[in-house]
């Protein structure tokens, strides 16, 4: 297994320049976040499906980890739908710059665990509280993902996410970790074994997930 120095968890992503979104709805098992508008005339970039993000539980100061499972870009005005304008992004910037302020990008992240910063102890189950409204959201650093993924109990949580394509989500999360861990074969084999145990009575689901993981 790859062993790296313990990541630094003390900084709140809500206070850092690396935050890219803000929690606008929160629940025990997940949170909804809205991507922040940039300084340039461009649409906020959707976080990739299966990517790892973090927010802070302000009460405890613990970073809470989530995996992105759904993202949308929609008009801020829910009454009017966006219409095709037949323009390139450059033409939109020149002729319709207000368009960039009329759309919002949101995503949902399934909570898979949390970390106690003082000890670096990882807990791969639901935290006592989700992140609060208006907390900043940042991408997890590679060191944080590696540290968290030393255990594999989070796979059970992903397999139970409601209203999500859980097989595709589980495979995407594993692919993301595998790349971050620099294609560490031993970790991938262990993840496959864990999935085999969790899905020992459902071979079709297991086959579907493994078929979407490309070493």
N, C-alpha and C. Protein backbone atom coordinates (compact mmCIF):
# COMPACT_ATOMS: atom_id res chain seq x y z
N UNK A 1 0.83 -1.20 0.00
CA UNK A 1 0.00 0.00 0.00
C UNK A 1 0.87 1.26 0.00
N UNK A 2 0.41 2.29 -0.69
CA UNK A 2 1.10 3.58 -0.67
C UNK A 2 0.88 4.25 0.68
N UNK A 3 1.94 4.73 1.30
CA UNK A 3 1.83 5.43 2.58
C UNK A 3 2.39 6.83 2.43
N UNK A 4 1.55 7.82 2.66
CA UNK A 4 1.98 9.20 2.58
C UNK A 4 1.86 9.85 3.94
N UNK A 5 2.55 10.97 4.16
CA UNK A 5 2.38 11.70 5.41
C UNK A 5 0.92 12.07 5.64
N UNK A 6 0.52 12.12 6.89
CA UNK A 6 -0.86 12.45 7.23
C UNK A 6 -1.23 13.81 6.67
N UNK A 7 -2.35 13.92 5.93
CA UNK A 7 -2.76 15.22 5.38
C UNK A 7 -3.07 16.22 6.49
N UNK A 8 -3.00 17.48 6.14
CA UNK A 8 -3.39 18.55 7.06
C UNK A 8 -4.87 18.86 6.86
N UNK A 9 -5.67 18.68 7.90
CA UNK A 9 -7.11 18.85 7.79
C UNK A 9 -7.62 20.11 8.48
N UNK A 10 -6.76 20.89 9.07
CA UNK A 10 -7.23 21.94 9.97
C UNK A 10 -7.90 23.11 9.27
N UNK A 11 -7.58 23.33 7.99
CA UNK A 11 -8.14 24.49 7.31
C UNK A 11 -9.56 24.22 6.84
N UNK A 12 -10.41 25.21 7.01
CA UNK A 12 -11.79 25.10 6.56
C UNK A 12 -11.86 25.46 5.09
N UNK A 13 -12.37 24.55 4.22
CA UNK A 13 -12.45 24.90 2.81
C UNK A 13 -13.30 26.13 2.56
N UNK A 14 -14.18 26.46 3.50
CA UNK A 14 -14.98 27.66 3.34
C UNK A 14 -14.16 28.93 3.45
N UNK A 15 -12.95 28.84 4.00
CA UNK A 15 -12.10 30.01 4.17
C UNK A 15 -10.92 30.01 3.20
N UNK A 16 -10.87 29.04 2.31
CA UNK A 16 -9.72 28.88 1.44
C UNK A 16 -10.05 29.26 0.00
N UNK A 17 -9.00 29.58 -0.74
CA UNK A 17 -9.19 29.94 -2.13
C UNK A 17 -9.58 28.76 -3.01
N UNK A 18 -9.45 27.52 -2.49
CA UNK A 18 -9.74 26.37 -3.32
C UNK A 18 -11.21 25.96 -3.28
N UNK A 19 -12.03 26.67 -2.54
CA UNK A 19 -13.45 26.32 -2.53
C UNK A 19 -14.06 26.71 -3.88
N UNK A 20 -14.92 25.86 -4.40
CA UNK A 20 -15.51 26.14 -5.70
C UNK A 20 -17.03 26.11 -5.65
N UNK A 21 -17.60 25.78 -4.49
CA UNK A 21 -19.05 25.70 -4.37
C UNK A 21 -19.46 25.98 -2.93
N UNK A 22 -20.77 26.07 -2.72
CA UNK A 22 -21.31 26.38 -1.40
C UNK A 22 -22.54 25.52 -1.14
N UNK A 23 -22.62 24.97 0.05
CA UNK A 23 -23.76 24.11 0.41
C UNK A 23 -25.03 24.96 0.47
N UNK A 24 -26.07 24.52 -0.25
CA UNK A 24 -27.34 25.25 -0.22
C UNK A 24 -28.50 24.38 0.29
N UNK A 25 -28.23 23.11 0.48
CA UNK A 25 -29.25 22.21 1.06
C UNK A 25 -28.50 21.05 1.70
N UNK A 26 -28.93 20.65 2.86
CA UNK A 26 -28.17 19.62 3.58
C UNK A 26 -29.10 18.61 4.22
N UNK A 27 -28.62 17.37 4.30
CA UNK A 27 -29.40 16.29 4.89
C UNK A 27 -28.43 15.29 5.52
N UNK A 28 -28.96 14.32 6.23
CA UNK A 28 -28.12 13.37 6.94
C UNK A 28 -27.19 12.61 6.02
N UNK A 29 -27.66 12.25 4.83
CA UNK A 29 -26.90 11.37 3.95
C UNK A 29 -26.23 12.08 2.77
N UNK A 30 -26.55 13.35 2.53
CA UNK A 30 -26.01 14.03 1.35
C UNK A 30 -26.13 15.53 1.50
N UNK A 31 -25.50 16.25 0.58
CA UNK A 31 -25.71 17.70 0.54
C UNK A 31 -25.77 18.16 -0.90
N UNK A 32 -26.49 19.26 -1.10
CA UNK A 32 -26.61 19.91 -2.40
C UNK A 32 -25.79 21.18 -2.36
N UNK A 33 -24.96 21.39 -3.37
CA UNK A 33 -24.10 22.58 -3.40
C UNK A 33 -24.26 23.28 -4.74
N UNK A 34 -24.08 24.60 -4.71
CA UNK A 34 -24.12 25.40 -5.92
C UNK A 34 -22.71 25.90 -6.22
N UNK A 35 -22.29 25.71 -7.47
CA UNK A 35 -20.96 26.17 -7.88
C UNK A 35 -20.91 27.69 -7.88
N UNK A 36 -19.79 28.23 -7.46
CA UNK A 36 -19.62 29.68 -7.40
C UNK A 36 -19.28 30.23 -8.78
N UNK A 37 -19.78 31.42 -9.04
CA UNK A 37 -19.47 32.08 -10.31
C UNK A 37 -18.02 32.57 -10.30
N UNK A 38 -17.36 32.41 -11.43
CA UNK A 38 -16.00 32.90 -11.54
C UNK A 38 -15.95 34.36 -11.93
N UNK A 39 -14.75 34.89 -12.02
CA UNK A 39 -14.57 36.30 -12.40
C UNK A 39 -14.75 36.50 -13.90
N UNK A 40 -14.55 35.43 -14.68
CA UNK A 40 -14.65 35.55 -16.12
C UNK A 40 -16.05 35.20 -16.59
N UNK A 41 -16.36 35.58 -17.83
CA UNK A 41 -17.65 35.24 -18.43
C UNK A 41 -17.58 33.80 -18.93
N UNK A 42 -17.93 32.90 -18.05
CA UNK A 42 -17.97 31.49 -18.41
C UNK A 42 -18.90 30.78 -17.43
N UNK A 43 -19.43 29.64 -17.85
CA UNK A 43 -20.31 28.89 -16.98
C UNK A 43 -19.48 28.13 -15.95
N UNK A 44 -19.99 28.00 -14.71
CA UNK A 44 -19.27 27.21 -13.73
C UNK A 44 -19.06 25.78 -14.24
N UNK A 45 -17.89 25.22 -13.97
CA UNK A 45 -17.57 23.86 -14.42
C UNK A 45 -18.19 22.84 -13.48
N UNK A 46 -18.92 21.89 -14.05
CA UNK A 46 -19.50 20.83 -13.23
C UNK A 46 -18.41 19.95 -12.64
N UNK A 47 -18.51 19.57 -11.37
CA UNK A 47 -17.56 18.59 -10.84
C UNK A 47 -17.81 17.24 -11.51
N UNK A 48 -16.78 16.48 -11.80
CA UNK A 48 -16.97 15.20 -12.47
C UNK A 48 -17.78 14.21 -11.64
N UNK A 49 -18.54 13.40 -12.32
CA UNK A 49 -19.28 12.31 -11.70
C UNK A 49 -18.28 11.38 -11.00
N UNK A 50 -18.54 11.09 -9.72
CA UNK A 50 -17.64 10.23 -8.96
C UNK A 50 -16.47 10.94 -8.33
N UNK A 51 -16.40 12.28 -8.44
CA UNK A 51 -15.27 13.00 -7.84
C UNK A 51 -15.49 13.19 -6.35
N UNK A 52 -14.38 13.41 -5.63
CA UNK A 52 -14.39 13.49 -4.16
C UNK A 52 -14.34 14.95 -3.72
N UNK A 53 -15.29 15.33 -2.88
CA UNK A 53 -15.37 16.69 -2.37
C UNK A 53 -15.48 16.67 -0.85
N UNK A 54 -15.28 17.85 -0.26
CA UNK A 54 -15.31 17.93 1.21
C UNK A 54 -15.94 19.25 1.64
N UNK A 55 -16.56 19.20 2.79
CA UNK A 55 -17.08 20.41 3.45
C UNK A 55 -16.87 20.19 4.94
N UNK A 56 -17.08 21.23 5.73
CA UNK A 56 -16.79 21.16 7.16
C UNK A 56 -18.07 21.15 7.98
N UNK A 57 -18.11 20.28 8.99
CA UNK A 57 -19.13 20.39 10.03
C UNK A 57 -18.62 21.45 11.01
N UNK A 58 -19.24 22.61 11.01
CA UNK A 58 -18.74 23.73 11.82
C UNK A 58 -18.76 23.42 13.31
N UNK A 59 -19.70 22.59 13.76
CA UNK A 59 -19.81 22.26 15.19
C UNK A 59 -18.56 21.54 15.69
N UNK A 60 -18.08 20.57 14.91
CA UNK A 60 -16.94 19.76 15.33
C UNK A 60 -15.63 20.16 14.66
N UNK A 61 -15.73 20.84 13.52
CA UNK A 61 -14.54 21.16 12.75
C UNK A 61 -14.06 20.00 11.89
N UNK A 62 -14.85 18.91 11.82
CA UNK A 62 -14.43 17.73 11.06
C UNK A 62 -14.72 17.90 9.57
N UNK A 63 -13.75 17.59 8.73
CA UNK A 63 -14.03 17.55 7.29
C UNK A 63 -14.94 16.37 6.98
N UNK A 64 -15.97 16.61 6.19
CA UNK A 64 -16.92 15.59 5.79
C UNK A 64 -16.72 15.33 4.31
N UNK A 65 -16.56 14.07 3.96
CA UNK A 65 -16.24 13.70 2.58
C UNK A 65 -17.49 13.22 1.86
N UNK A 66 -17.60 13.62 0.59
CA UNK A 66 -18.72 13.19 -0.23
C UNK A 66 -18.25 12.83 -1.63
N UNK A 67 -19.07 12.05 -2.33
CA UNK A 67 -18.80 11.67 -3.71
C UNK A 67 -19.92 12.23 -4.59
N UNK A 68 -19.56 12.98 -5.61
CA UNK A 68 -20.54 13.64 -6.48
C UNK A 68 -21.29 12.58 -7.30
N UNK A 69 -22.63 12.62 -7.22
CA UNK A 69 -23.39 11.63 -7.98
C UNK A 69 -24.43 12.25 -8.93
N UNK A 70 -24.62 13.55 -8.88
CA UNK A 70 -25.59 14.18 -9.77
C UNK A 70 -25.25 15.66 -9.90
N UNK A 71 -25.31 16.19 -11.14
CA UNK A 71 -25.02 17.60 -11.37
C UNK A 71 -25.93 18.13 -12.46
N UNK A 72 -26.31 19.39 -12.32
CA UNK A 72 -27.20 20.03 -13.30
C UNK A 72 -26.78 21.48 -13.51
N UNK A 73 -27.07 21.99 -14.71
CA UNK A 73 -26.99 23.42 -14.99
C UNK A 73 -28.36 23.86 -15.47
N UNK A 74 -28.99 24.77 -14.75
CA UNK A 74 -30.35 25.19 -15.05
C UNK A 74 -30.47 26.70 -14.88
N UNK A 75 -31.53 27.30 -15.45
CA UNK A 75 -31.74 28.74 -15.24
C UNK A 75 -32.02 29.05 -13.77
N UNK A 76 -31.54 30.20 -13.32
CA UNK A 76 -31.84 30.64 -11.97
C UNK A 76 -33.33 30.88 -11.83
N UNK A 77 -33.95 31.42 -12.89
CA UNK A 77 -35.39 31.61 -12.94
C UNK A 77 -36.03 30.28 -13.33
N UNK A 78 -36.72 29.65 -12.40
CA UNK A 78 -37.28 28.33 -12.64
C UNK A 78 -38.50 28.36 -13.56
N UNK A 79 -39.01 29.54 -13.86
CA UNK A 79 -40.19 29.65 -14.72
C UNK A 79 -39.83 29.51 -16.19
N UNK A 80 -38.68 30.07 -16.58
CA UNK A 80 -38.30 30.10 -17.98
C UNK A 80 -37.15 29.13 -18.24
N UNK A 81 -37.29 28.31 -19.26
CA UNK A 81 -36.25 27.37 -19.64
C UNK A 81 -35.22 28.06 -20.53
N UNK A 82 -33.99 27.54 -20.49
CA UNK A 82 -32.97 28.04 -21.41
C UNK A 82 -33.34 27.66 -22.84
N UNK A 83 -33.01 28.52 -23.77
CA UNK A 83 -33.31 28.28 -25.18
C UNK A 83 -32.03 28.25 -26.00
N UNK A 84 -32.03 27.43 -27.05
CA UNK A 84 -30.88 27.37 -27.95
C UNK A 84 -30.76 28.69 -28.70
N UNK A 85 -29.56 29.26 -28.71
CA UNK A 85 -29.33 30.55 -29.37
C UNK A 85 -28.45 30.44 -30.61
N UNK A 86 -27.87 29.28 -30.83
CA UNK A 86 -27.06 29.08 -32.02
C UNK A 86 -25.79 29.89 -32.05
N UNK A 87 -25.23 30.19 -30.88
CA UNK A 87 -24.00 30.99 -30.80
C UNK A 87 -22.90 30.18 -30.11
N UNK A 88 -21.66 30.51 -30.45
CA UNK A 88 -20.52 29.95 -29.73
C UNK A 88 -20.37 30.68 -28.39
N UNK A 89 -19.51 30.15 -27.53
CA UNK A 89 -19.28 30.82 -26.24
C UNK A 89 -18.71 32.22 -26.45
N UNK A 90 -17.84 32.37 -27.45
CA UNK A 90 -17.27 33.69 -27.71
C UNK A 90 -18.36 34.67 -28.15
N UNK A 91 -19.28 34.20 -28.99
CA UNK A 91 -20.38 35.07 -29.44
C UNK A 91 -21.30 35.41 -28.28
N UNK A 92 -21.53 34.44 -27.38
CA UNK A 92 -22.35 34.73 -26.20
C UNK A 92 -21.70 35.81 -25.34
N UNK A 93 -20.39 35.72 -25.18
CA UNK A 93 -19.69 36.73 -24.37
C UNK A 93 -19.82 38.12 -24.98
N UNK A 94 -19.80 38.17 -26.30
CA UNK A 94 -19.86 39.47 -26.98
C UNK A 94 -21.29 40.03 -27.04
N UNK A 95 -22.26 39.16 -27.32
CA UNK A 95 -23.62 39.65 -27.61
C UNK A 95 -24.61 39.45 -26.46
N UNK A 96 -24.40 38.39 -25.68
CA UNK A 96 -25.36 38.08 -24.61
C UNK A 96 -24.63 37.80 -23.29
N UNK A 97 -23.80 38.70 -22.80
CA UNK A 97 -23.01 38.40 -21.59
C UNK A 97 -23.88 38.14 -20.36
N UNK A 98 -25.11 38.64 -20.36
CA UNK A 98 -25.99 38.43 -19.20
C UNK A 98 -26.37 36.96 -19.04
N UNK A 99 -26.22 36.16 -20.12
CA UNK A 99 -26.56 34.74 -20.06
C UNK A 99 -25.79 34.04 -18.94
N UNK A 100 -24.56 34.44 -18.74
CA UNK A 100 -23.70 33.75 -17.77
C UNK A 100 -24.16 33.98 -16.33
N UNK A 101 -24.94 35.02 -16.11
CA UNK A 101 -25.47 35.28 -14.77
C UNK A 101 -26.86 34.69 -14.58
N UNK A 102 -27.42 34.10 -15.62
CA UNK A 102 -28.78 33.60 -15.56
C UNK A 102 -28.87 32.10 -15.34
N UNK A 103 -27.71 31.43 -15.31
CA UNK A 103 -27.69 29.99 -15.12
C UNK A 103 -26.94 29.63 -13.85
N UNK A 104 -27.30 28.52 -13.26
CA UNK A 104 -26.63 28.03 -12.06
C UNK A 104 -26.26 26.56 -12.25
N UNK A 105 -25.15 26.17 -11.68
CA UNK A 105 -24.72 24.77 -11.70
C UNK A 105 -24.74 24.24 -10.27
N UNK A 106 -25.45 23.15 -10.08
CA UNK A 106 -25.59 22.53 -8.76
C UNK A 106 -25.20 21.06 -8.84
N UNK A 107 -24.80 20.50 -7.71
CA UNK A 107 -24.49 19.07 -7.67
C UNK A 107 -24.83 18.49 -6.30
N UNK A 108 -25.12 17.21 -6.31
CA UNK A 108 -25.39 16.48 -5.08
C UNK A 108 -24.23 15.54 -4.79
N UNK A 109 -23.84 15.48 -3.53
CA UNK A 109 -22.76 14.59 -3.10
C UNK A 109 -23.26 13.68 -1.99
N UNK A 110 -23.04 12.39 -2.16
CA UNK A 110 -23.38 11.42 -1.12
C UNK A 110 -22.28 11.41 -0.06
N UNK A 111 -22.67 11.56 1.19
CA UNK A 111 -21.70 11.57 2.29
C UNK A 111 -21.21 10.15 2.55
N UNK A 112 -19.88 9.98 2.58
CA UNK A 112 -19.33 8.63 2.77
C UNK A 112 -18.49 8.51 4.04
N UNK A 113 -18.27 9.62 4.76
CA UNK A 113 -17.49 9.52 5.99
C UNK A 113 -16.94 10.87 6.40
N UNK A 114 -16.11 10.84 7.43
CA UNK A 114 -15.51 12.07 7.94
C UNK A 114 -14.18 11.75 8.60
N UNK A 115 -13.42 12.80 8.91
CA UNK A 115 -12.11 12.66 9.52
C UNK A 115 -12.02 13.58 10.73
N UNK A 116 -11.39 13.10 11.79
CA UNK A 116 -11.10 13.95 12.96
C UNK A 116 -9.71 14.55 12.74
N UNK A 117 -9.61 15.87 12.55
CA UNK A 117 -8.34 16.48 12.16
C UNK A 117 -7.20 16.24 13.15
N UNK A 118 -7.49 16.29 14.45
CA UNK A 118 -6.43 16.20 15.45
C UNK A 118 -5.66 14.89 15.35
N UNK A 119 -6.37 13.79 15.11
CA UNK A 119 -5.74 12.48 15.07
C UNK A 119 -5.57 11.94 13.65
N UNK A 120 -6.32 12.51 12.70
CA UNK A 120 -6.33 11.96 11.36
C UNK A 120 -7.14 10.69 11.24
N UNK A 121 -7.89 10.35 12.29
CA UNK A 121 -8.68 9.12 12.27
C UNK A 121 -9.82 9.23 11.26
N UNK A 122 -9.95 8.21 10.42
CA UNK A 122 -10.98 8.16 9.39
C UNK A 122 -12.15 7.34 9.88
N UNK A 123 -13.36 7.85 9.66
CA UNK A 123 -14.59 7.12 9.99
C UNK A 123 -15.42 7.01 8.72
N UNK A 124 -15.59 5.79 8.25
CA UNK A 124 -16.29 5.58 6.99
C UNK A 124 -17.75 5.19 7.27
N UNK A 125 -18.43 6.11 7.93
CA UNK A 125 -19.87 6.01 8.12
C UNK A 125 -20.41 7.43 8.27
N UNK A 126 -21.73 7.56 8.33
CA UNK A 126 -22.33 8.89 8.35
C UNK A 126 -21.94 9.64 9.61
N UNK A 127 -21.58 10.91 9.47
CA UNK A 127 -21.20 11.72 10.63
C UNK A 127 -22.43 12.10 11.45
N UNK A 128 -22.23 12.57 12.70
CA UNK A 128 -23.37 13.00 13.51
C UNK A 128 -24.19 14.10 12.86
N UNK A 129 -23.51 14.98 12.11
CA UNK A 129 -24.19 16.07 11.41
C UNK A 129 -23.58 16.22 10.03
N UNK A 130 -24.40 16.60 9.06
CA UNK A 130 -23.85 16.94 7.75
C UNK A 130 -23.27 18.36 7.79
N UNK A 131 -22.59 18.81 6.75
CA UNK A 131 -22.13 20.20 6.73
C UNK A 131 -23.32 21.15 6.74
N UNK A 132 -23.13 22.32 7.35
CA UNK A 132 -24.22 23.28 7.47
C UNK A 132 -24.42 24.07 6.17
N UNK A 133 -25.57 24.68 6.07
CA UNK A 133 -25.87 25.56 4.94
C UNK A 133 -24.80 26.66 4.83
N UNK A 134 -24.42 26.98 3.61
CA UNK A 134 -23.46 28.04 3.28
C UNK A 134 -22.01 27.69 3.62
N UNK A 135 -21.76 26.43 3.99
CA UNK A 135 -20.36 26.01 4.13
C UNK A 135 -19.72 25.90 2.76
N UNK A 136 -18.45 26.25 2.67
CA UNK A 136 -17.74 26.11 1.41
C UNK A 136 -17.46 24.65 1.08
N UNK A 137 -17.38 24.35 -0.20
CA UNK A 137 -17.08 23.00 -0.67
C UNK A 137 -15.82 23.07 -1.53
N UNK A 138 -14.90 22.15 -1.30
CA UNK A 138 -13.65 22.08 -2.07
C UNK A 138 -13.43 20.65 -2.52
N UNK A 139 -12.61 20.48 -3.54
CA UNK A 139 -12.21 19.14 -3.93
C UNK A 139 -11.25 18.58 -2.87
N UNK A 140 -11.36 17.29 -2.60
CA UNK A 140 -10.39 16.64 -1.72
C UNK A 140 -9.02 16.62 -2.42
N UNK A 141 -7.98 16.81 -1.66
CA UNK A 141 -6.63 16.72 -2.21
C UNK A 141 -6.28 15.26 -2.47
N UNK A 142 -5.33 14.98 -3.35
CA UNK A 142 -4.91 13.59 -3.55
C UNK A 142 -4.49 12.91 -2.25
N UNK A 143 -3.78 13.64 -1.39
CA UNK A 143 -3.34 13.05 -0.12
C UNK A 143 -4.52 12.67 0.76
N UNK A 144 -5.56 13.50 0.75
CA UNK A 144 -6.75 13.19 1.55
C UNK A 144 -7.48 11.97 1.02
N UNK A 145 -7.59 11.87 -0.30
CA UNK A 145 -8.27 10.72 -0.90
C UNK A 145 -7.50 9.43 -0.61
N UNK A 146 -6.19 9.47 -0.72
CA UNK A 146 -5.38 8.28 -0.44
C UNK A 146 -5.54 7.87 1.02
N UNK A 147 -5.46 8.85 1.91
CA UNK A 147 -5.60 8.56 3.34
C UNK A 147 -6.97 7.96 3.65
N UNK A 148 -8.02 8.54 3.09
CA UNK A 148 -9.37 8.05 3.35
C UNK A 148 -9.57 6.65 2.77
N UNK A 149 -9.01 6.38 1.60
CA UNK A 149 -9.27 5.12 0.91
C UNK A 149 -8.39 3.97 1.37
N UNK A 150 -7.63 4.17 2.45
CA UNK A 150 -6.93 3.03 3.05
C UNK A 150 -7.94 1.98 3.52
N UNK A 151 -9.13 2.43 3.93
CA UNK A 151 -10.23 1.52 4.25
C UNK A 151 -11.21 1.50 3.08
N UNK A 152 -12.05 0.47 3.05
CA UNK A 152 -12.97 0.31 1.92
C UNK A 152 -14.43 0.18 2.34
N UNK A 153 -14.73 0.50 3.59
CA UNK A 153 -16.12 0.41 4.04
C UNK A 153 -17.03 1.40 3.31
N UNK A 154 -16.45 2.46 2.75
CA UNK A 154 -17.27 3.44 2.05
C UNK A 154 -17.97 2.84 0.83
N UNK A 155 -17.46 1.73 0.31
CA UNK A 155 -18.09 1.11 -0.85
C UNK A 155 -19.51 0.64 -0.52
N UNK A 156 -19.73 0.17 0.69
CA UNK A 156 -21.08 -0.23 1.09
C UNK A 156 -22.02 0.97 1.06
N UNK A 157 -21.53 2.13 1.52
CA UNK A 157 -22.36 3.34 1.51
C UNK A 157 -22.73 3.73 0.09
N UNK A 158 -21.76 3.67 -0.82
CA UNK A 158 -22.04 4.04 -2.21
C UNK A 158 -23.06 3.10 -2.84
N UNK A 159 -23.01 1.84 -2.49
CA UNK A 159 -23.94 0.87 -3.06
C UNK A 159 -25.37 1.08 -2.57
N UNK A 160 -25.54 1.89 -1.53
CA UNK A 160 -26.86 2.11 -0.96
C UNK A 160 -27.38 3.53 -1.20
N UNK A 161 -26.67 4.32 -2.02
CA UNK A 161 -27.12 5.69 -2.30
C UNK A 161 -28.45 5.64 -3.06
N UNK A 162 -29.42 6.39 -2.57
CA UNK A 162 -30.72 6.42 -3.22
C UNK A 162 -30.75 7.39 -4.39
N UNK A 163 -31.64 7.15 -5.35
CA UNK A 163 -31.85 8.05 -6.49
C UNK A 163 -30.57 8.31 -7.28
N UNK A 164 -29.73 7.28 -7.39
CA UNK A 164 -28.48 7.44 -8.13
C UNK A 164 -28.18 6.15 -8.88
N UNK A 165 -27.46 6.24 -9.99
CA UNK A 165 -26.99 5.03 -10.68
C UNK A 165 -25.82 4.43 -9.90
N UNK A 166 -26.12 3.68 -8.87
CA UNK A 166 -25.10 3.30 -7.89
C UNK A 166 -23.98 2.44 -8.48
N UNK A 167 -24.29 1.61 -9.46
CA UNK A 167 -23.23 0.80 -10.05
C UNK A 167 -22.22 1.69 -10.77
N UNK A 168 -22.73 2.62 -11.57
CA UNK A 168 -21.84 3.56 -12.27
C UNK A 168 -21.10 4.46 -11.29
N UNK A 169 -21.78 4.89 -10.22
CA UNK A 169 -21.16 5.75 -9.22
C UNK A 169 -20.02 5.03 -8.51
N UNK A 170 -20.26 3.80 -8.09
CA UNK A 170 -19.22 3.03 -7.40
C UNK A 170 -18.01 2.83 -8.30
N UNK A 171 -18.26 2.49 -9.55
CA UNK A 171 -17.15 2.30 -10.48
C UNK A 171 -16.38 3.60 -10.70
N UNK A 172 -17.09 4.72 -10.83
CA UNK A 172 -16.44 6.01 -11.06
C UNK A 172 -15.59 6.41 -9.87
N UNK A 173 -16.10 6.18 -8.66
CA UNK A 173 -15.33 6.53 -7.46
C UNK A 173 -14.06 5.68 -7.36
N UNK A 174 -14.18 4.41 -7.70
CA UNK A 174 -13.01 3.53 -7.67
C UNK A 174 -11.99 3.95 -8.73
N UNK A 175 -12.47 4.28 -9.93
CA UNK A 175 -11.55 4.73 -10.98
C UNK A 175 -10.79 5.98 -10.56
N UNK A 176 -11.53 6.91 -9.93
CA UNK A 176 -10.91 8.16 -9.47
C UNK A 176 -9.80 7.87 -8.46
N UNK A 177 -10.10 7.02 -7.49
CA UNK A 177 -9.09 6.69 -6.47
C UNK A 177 -7.90 5.98 -7.09
N UNK A 178 -8.19 5.05 -7.98
CA UNK A 178 -7.13 4.26 -8.62
C UNK A 178 -6.14 5.17 -9.35
N UNK A 179 -6.66 6.19 -10.04
CA UNK A 179 -5.78 7.12 -10.72
C UNK A 179 -5.00 7.97 -9.73
N UNK A 180 -5.68 8.42 -8.67
CA UNK A 180 -5.00 9.24 -7.67
C UNK A 180 -3.89 8.45 -6.98
N UNK A 181 -4.13 7.15 -6.79
CA UNK A 181 -3.13 6.29 -6.16
C UNK A 181 -2.08 5.80 -7.17
N UNK A 182 -2.07 6.43 -8.35
CA UNK A 182 -1.08 6.15 -9.39
C UNK A 182 -1.13 4.68 -9.80
N UNK A 183 -2.34 4.23 -10.10
CA UNK A 183 -2.62 2.87 -10.58
C UNK A 183 -1.99 1.80 -9.69
N UNK A 184 -2.26 1.93 -8.40
CA UNK A 184 -1.75 0.95 -7.43
C UNK A 184 -2.56 -0.34 -7.54
N UNK A 185 -1.97 -1.35 -8.12
CA UNK A 185 -2.66 -2.60 -8.42
C UNK A 185 -3.18 -3.29 -7.16
N UNK A 186 -2.38 -3.29 -6.11
CA UNK A 186 -2.77 -3.97 -4.87
C UNK A 186 -4.07 -3.39 -4.32
N UNK A 187 -4.18 -2.05 -4.36
CA UNK A 187 -5.40 -1.43 -3.85
C UNK A 187 -6.61 -1.80 -4.71
N UNK A 188 -6.44 -1.82 -6.01
CA UNK A 188 -7.54 -2.15 -6.91
C UNK A 188 -8.02 -3.58 -6.69
N UNK A 189 -7.09 -4.50 -6.50
CA UNK A 189 -7.46 -5.90 -6.25
C UNK A 189 -8.25 -6.01 -4.94
N UNK A 190 -7.81 -5.28 -3.91
CA UNK A 190 -8.52 -5.31 -2.63
C UNK A 190 -9.92 -4.72 -2.77
N UNK A 191 -10.05 -3.66 -3.56
CA UNK A 191 -11.38 -3.08 -3.79
C UNK A 191 -12.28 -4.08 -4.49
N UNK A 192 -11.75 -4.80 -5.47
CA UNK A 192 -12.54 -5.82 -6.15
C UNK A 192 -12.98 -6.93 -5.21
N UNK A 193 -12.09 -7.35 -4.32
CA UNK A 193 -12.45 -8.39 -3.34
C UNK A 193 -13.55 -7.90 -2.40
N UNK A 194 -13.44 -6.65 -1.99
CA UNK A 194 -14.47 -6.10 -1.10
C UNK A 194 -15.82 -6.05 -1.79
N UNK A 195 -15.84 -5.63 -3.04
CA UNK A 195 -17.10 -5.63 -3.80
C UNK A 195 -17.65 -7.03 -3.94
N UNK A 196 -16.78 -8.00 -4.15
CA UNK A 196 -17.24 -9.39 -4.29
C UNK A 196 -17.94 -9.87 -3.03
N UNK A 197 -17.44 -9.46 -1.87
CA UNK A 197 -18.09 -9.83 -0.62
C UNK A 197 -19.42 -9.11 -0.43
N UNK A 198 -19.43 -7.83 -0.76
CA UNK A 198 -20.65 -7.05 -0.58
C UNK A 198 -21.76 -7.49 -1.52
N UNK A 199 -21.38 -7.97 -2.70
CA UNK A 199 -22.36 -8.33 -3.72
C UNK A 199 -22.31 -9.83 -4.03
N UNK A 200 -21.98 -10.62 -3.03
CA UNK A 200 -21.84 -12.06 -3.26
C UNK A 200 -23.14 -12.71 -3.71
N UNK A 201 -24.27 -12.08 -3.40
CA UNK A 201 -25.57 -12.64 -3.80
C UNK A 201 -26.16 -11.92 -5.01
N UNK A 202 -25.37 -11.05 -5.63
CA UNK A 202 -25.88 -10.31 -6.78
C UNK A 202 -24.78 -10.19 -7.83
N UNK A 203 -24.54 -11.29 -8.52
CA UNK A 203 -23.44 -11.35 -9.48
C UNK A 203 -23.62 -10.35 -10.61
N UNK A 204 -24.86 -10.12 -11.04
CA UNK A 204 -25.08 -9.21 -12.16
C UNK A 204 -24.62 -7.80 -11.83
N UNK A 205 -24.92 -7.32 -10.61
CA UNK A 205 -24.47 -5.98 -10.22
C UNK A 205 -22.96 -5.93 -10.11
N UNK A 206 -22.38 -6.97 -9.54
CA UNK A 206 -20.92 -7.03 -9.41
C UNK A 206 -20.26 -6.98 -10.78
N UNK A 207 -20.75 -7.76 -11.71
CA UNK A 207 -20.20 -7.80 -13.06
C UNK A 207 -20.32 -6.44 -13.74
N UNK A 208 -21.45 -5.76 -13.51
CA UNK A 208 -21.67 -4.44 -14.11
C UNK A 208 -20.66 -3.43 -13.59
N UNK A 209 -20.40 -3.44 -12.30
CA UNK A 209 -19.42 -2.51 -11.71
C UNK A 209 -18.02 -2.81 -12.20
N UNK A 210 -17.62 -4.08 -12.11
CA UNK A 210 -16.27 -4.45 -12.51
C UNK A 210 -16.02 -4.17 -13.99
N UNK A 211 -17.08 -4.28 -14.79
CA UNK A 211 -16.96 -4.01 -16.22
C UNK A 211 -16.69 -2.55 -16.54
N UNK A 212 -16.96 -1.65 -15.55
CA UNK A 212 -16.74 -0.23 -15.77
C UNK A 212 -15.45 0.27 -15.14
N UNK A 213 -14.68 -0.64 -14.57
CA UNK A 213 -13.38 -0.29 -13.98
C UNK A 213 -12.30 -0.75 -14.93
N UNK A 214 -11.50 0.20 -15.40
CA UNK A 214 -10.49 -0.12 -16.41
C UNK A 214 -9.09 0.09 -15.82
N UNK A 215 -8.42 -1.01 -15.44
CA UNK A 215 -7.07 -0.87 -14.86
C UNK A 215 -6.11 -0.20 -15.84
